[in-house]
């Protein structure tokens, strides 16, 4: 059972890292900490990646707690 949780944790962590890197790549580059003064909402793939990040974070924390609890 412990190996199953460890495998799920690794897969979730790798997927979470990939989704976070995809989000950072699409954010553009602002030099010297320039802030954007315009408001824009997330749409399409950007919104999907944002929601997927939240879901994966909850899954990761849940599996980590279950791993500690059942091992």
N, C-alpha and C. Protein backbone atom coordinates (compact mmCIF):
# COMPACT_ATOMS: atom_id res chain seq x y z
N UNK A 1 0.82 -1.19 0.00
CA UNK A 1 0.00 0.00 0.00
C UNK A 1 0.87 1.26 0.00
N UNK A 2 1.99 1.20 0.69
CA UNK A 2 2.88 2.36 0.77
C UNK A 2 3.49 2.68 -0.59
N UNK A 3 3.79 1.65 -1.37
CA UNK A 3 4.37 1.89 -2.69
C UNK A 3 3.35 2.51 -3.65
N UNK A 4 2.09 2.17 -3.47
CA UNK A 4 1.04 2.76 -4.31
C UNK A 4 0.94 4.26 -4.03
N UNK A 5 0.93 4.61 -2.74
CA UNK A 5 0.87 6.03 -2.37
C UNK A 5 2.11 6.77 -2.86
N UNK A 6 3.26 6.15 -2.75
CA UNK A 6 4.49 6.80 -3.21
C UNK A 6 4.47 7.01 -4.72
N UNK A 7 3.98 6.04 -5.45
CA UNK A 7 3.88 6.16 -6.90
C UNK A 7 2.90 7.26 -7.30
N UNK A 8 1.76 7.31 -6.63
CA UNK A 8 0.77 8.36 -6.90
C UNK A 8 1.35 9.73 -6.57
N UNK A 9 2.09 9.82 -5.47
CA UNK A 9 2.72 11.09 -5.10
C UNK A 9 3.72 11.55 -6.15
N UNK A 10 4.52 10.64 -6.65
CA UNK A 10 5.51 11.00 -7.66
C UNK A 10 4.85 11.47 -8.95
N UNK A 11 3.85 10.75 -9.40
CA UNK A 11 3.15 11.12 -10.63
C UNK A 11 2.45 12.46 -10.47
N UNK A 12 1.81 12.67 -9.32
CA UNK A 12 1.13 13.94 -9.06
C UNK A 12 2.13 15.08 -8.99
N UNK A 13 3.26 14.87 -8.35
CA UNK A 13 4.27 15.92 -8.23
C UNK A 13 4.84 16.30 -9.59
N UNK A 14 5.14 15.31 -10.42
CA UNK A 14 5.69 15.59 -11.74
C UNK A 14 4.67 16.33 -12.60
N UNK A 15 3.42 15.91 -12.53
CA UNK A 15 2.36 16.58 -13.29
C UNK A 15 2.15 18.01 -12.80
N UNK A 16 2.18 18.20 -11.50
CA UNK A 16 2.02 19.54 -10.92
C UNK A 16 3.16 20.46 -11.34
N UNK A 17 4.37 19.97 -11.35
CA UNK A 17 5.52 20.75 -11.80
C UNK A 17 5.37 21.13 -13.27
N UNK A 18 4.95 20.18 -14.09
CA UNK A 18 4.77 20.46 -15.53
C UNK A 18 3.70 21.52 -15.75
N UNK A 19 2.59 21.43 -15.03
CA UNK A 19 1.51 22.42 -15.19
C UNK A 19 1.98 23.79 -14.73
N UNK A 20 2.72 23.85 -13.64
CA UNK A 20 3.24 25.14 -13.16
C UNK A 20 4.22 25.75 -14.15
N UNK A 21 5.06 24.92 -14.74
CA UNK A 21 5.99 25.45 -15.74
C UNK A 21 5.28 25.94 -16.99
N UNK A 22 4.21 25.27 -17.38
CA UNK A 22 3.42 25.73 -18.53
C UNK A 22 2.77 27.07 -18.24
N UNK A 23 2.32 27.27 -17.00
CA UNK A 23 1.73 28.56 -16.62
C UNK A 23 2.77 29.66 -16.64
N UNK A 24 3.94 29.39 -16.12
CA UNK A 24 4.98 30.41 -16.06
C UNK A 24 5.46 30.79 -17.46
N UNK A 25 5.48 29.84 -18.37
CA UNK A 25 5.92 30.11 -19.73
C UNK A 25 4.94 31.04 -20.44
N UNK A 26 3.66 30.92 -20.19
CA UNK A 26 2.67 31.73 -20.87
C UNK A 26 2.45 33.10 -20.26
N UNK A 27 3.13 33.43 -19.16
CA UNK A 27 2.85 34.68 -18.47
C UNK A 27 3.55 35.87 -19.10
N UNK A 28 4.49 35.66 -20.00
CA UNK A 28 5.21 36.77 -20.61
C UNK A 28 6.37 37.19 -19.73
N UNK A 29 7.10 38.18 -20.19
CA UNK A 29 8.24 38.62 -19.40
C UNK A 29 8.08 40.08 -19.05
N UNK A 30 8.19 40.37 -17.77
CA UNK A 30 8.17 41.77 -17.35
C UNK A 30 9.53 42.07 -16.75
N UNK A 31 10.22 43.00 -17.33
CA UNK A 31 11.56 43.32 -16.88
C UNK A 31 11.52 44.22 -15.66
N UNK A 32 12.41 43.99 -14.74
CA UNK A 32 12.61 44.81 -13.55
C UNK A 32 11.35 44.93 -12.70
N UNK A 33 10.53 43.90 -12.68
CA UNK A 33 9.37 43.89 -11.80
C UNK A 33 8.26 44.83 -12.20
N UNK A 34 8.15 45.14 -13.46
CA UNK A 34 7.09 46.03 -13.91
C UNK A 34 5.74 45.35 -13.71
N UNK A 35 4.80 46.09 -13.17
CA UNK A 35 3.48 45.55 -12.93
C UNK A 35 2.55 45.95 -14.08
N UNK A 36 1.72 45.03 -14.44
CA UNK A 36 0.74 45.32 -15.49
C UNK A 36 -0.43 46.06 -14.88
N UNK A 37 -0.83 47.16 -15.47
CA UNK A 37 -1.90 47.97 -14.89
C UNK A 37 -3.26 47.59 -15.45
N UNK A 38 -3.32 46.67 -16.38
CA UNK A 38 -4.60 46.27 -16.94
C UNK A 38 -5.06 44.97 -16.32
N UNK A 39 -6.38 44.85 -16.17
CA UNK A 39 -6.97 43.63 -15.63
C UNK A 39 -7.43 42.77 -16.79
N UNK A 40 -7.11 41.50 -16.73
CA UNK A 40 -7.62 40.59 -17.74
C UNK A 40 -7.97 39.28 -17.07
N UNK A 41 -8.98 38.63 -17.58
CA UNK A 41 -9.40 37.36 -16.99
C UNK A 41 -8.77 36.20 -17.74
N UNK A 42 -8.70 35.08 -17.05
CA UNK A 42 -8.15 33.87 -17.66
C UNK A 42 -9.20 33.25 -18.57
N UNK A 43 -8.77 32.79 -19.72
CA UNK A 43 -9.69 32.15 -20.66
C UNK A 43 -9.01 30.96 -21.32
N UNK A 44 -9.81 30.01 -21.71
CA UNK A 44 -9.31 28.88 -22.48
C UNK A 44 -8.33 28.01 -21.73
N UNK A 45 -7.20 27.78 -22.35
CA UNK A 45 -6.18 26.88 -21.81
C UNK A 45 -5.60 27.45 -20.52
N UNK A 46 -5.46 28.76 -20.43
CA UNK A 46 -4.91 29.37 -19.22
C UNK A 46 -5.80 29.10 -18.01
N UNK A 47 -7.11 29.16 -18.19
CA UNK A 47 -8.03 28.87 -17.10
C UNK A 47 -8.00 27.38 -16.75
N UNK A 48 -7.90 26.53 -17.77
CA UNK A 48 -7.81 25.10 -17.52
C UNK A 48 -6.55 24.76 -16.72
N UNK A 49 -5.41 25.34 -17.08
CA UNK A 49 -4.17 25.10 -16.34
C UNK A 49 -4.27 25.61 -14.90
N UNK A 50 -4.92 26.75 -14.71
CA UNK A 50 -5.09 27.32 -13.37
C UNK A 50 -5.91 26.38 -12.49
N UNK A 51 -7.03 25.91 -13.01
CA UNK A 51 -7.89 25.00 -12.23
C UNK A 51 -7.23 23.65 -12.01
N UNK A 52 -6.51 23.17 -13.02
CA UNK A 52 -5.80 21.90 -12.89
C UNK A 52 -4.71 21.99 -11.82
N UNK A 53 -4.08 23.14 -11.70
CA UNK A 53 -3.07 23.34 -10.66
C UNK A 53 -3.69 23.22 -9.28
N UNK A 54 -4.85 23.83 -9.09
CA UNK A 54 -5.53 23.77 -7.80
C UNK A 54 -5.94 22.34 -7.47
N UNK A 55 -6.49 21.64 -8.44
CA UNK A 55 -6.93 20.25 -8.21
C UNK A 55 -5.73 19.36 -7.89
N UNK A 56 -4.66 19.51 -8.66
CA UNK A 56 -3.47 18.69 -8.41
C UNK A 56 -2.84 18.99 -7.05
N UNK A 57 -2.89 20.24 -6.62
CA UNK A 57 -2.35 20.58 -5.30
C UNK A 57 -3.16 19.89 -4.20
N UNK A 58 -4.48 19.90 -4.32
CA UNK A 58 -5.32 19.22 -3.33
C UNK A 58 -5.10 17.71 -3.35
N UNK A 59 -4.96 17.14 -4.54
CA UNK A 59 -4.71 15.70 -4.64
C UNK A 59 -3.36 15.36 -4.01
N UNK A 60 -2.34 16.18 -4.29
CA UNK A 60 -1.02 15.94 -3.73
C UNK A 60 -1.05 15.96 -2.20
N UNK A 61 -1.68 16.98 -1.64
CA UNK A 61 -1.76 17.08 -0.17
C UNK A 61 -2.56 15.93 0.41
N UNK A 62 -3.67 15.57 -0.23
CA UNK A 62 -4.49 14.46 0.25
C UNK A 62 -3.76 13.14 0.24
N UNK A 63 -3.05 12.86 -0.84
CA UNK A 63 -2.29 11.61 -0.94
C UNK A 63 -1.13 11.60 0.05
N UNK A 64 -0.51 12.75 0.25
CA UNK A 64 0.59 12.83 1.22
C UNK A 64 0.09 12.56 2.64
N UNK A 65 -1.06 13.10 2.98
CA UNK A 65 -1.65 12.84 4.30
C UNK A 65 -2.04 11.36 4.43
N UNK A 66 -2.63 10.81 3.39
CA UNK A 66 -3.01 9.39 3.41
C UNK A 66 -1.79 8.49 3.51
N UNK A 67 -0.70 8.88 2.85
CA UNK A 67 0.54 8.12 2.91
C UNK A 67 1.08 8.07 4.32
N UNK A 68 1.06 9.20 5.01
CA UNK A 68 1.54 9.25 6.40
C UNK A 68 0.60 8.49 7.32
N UNK A 69 -0.68 8.63 7.07
CA UNK A 69 -1.68 8.00 7.95
C UNK A 69 -1.67 6.48 7.86
N UNK A 70 -1.51 5.93 6.66
CA UNK A 70 -1.62 4.49 6.48
C UNK A 70 -0.27 3.76 6.44
N UNK A 71 0.83 4.47 6.63
CA UNK A 71 2.11 3.76 6.63
C UNK A 71 2.70 3.67 8.01
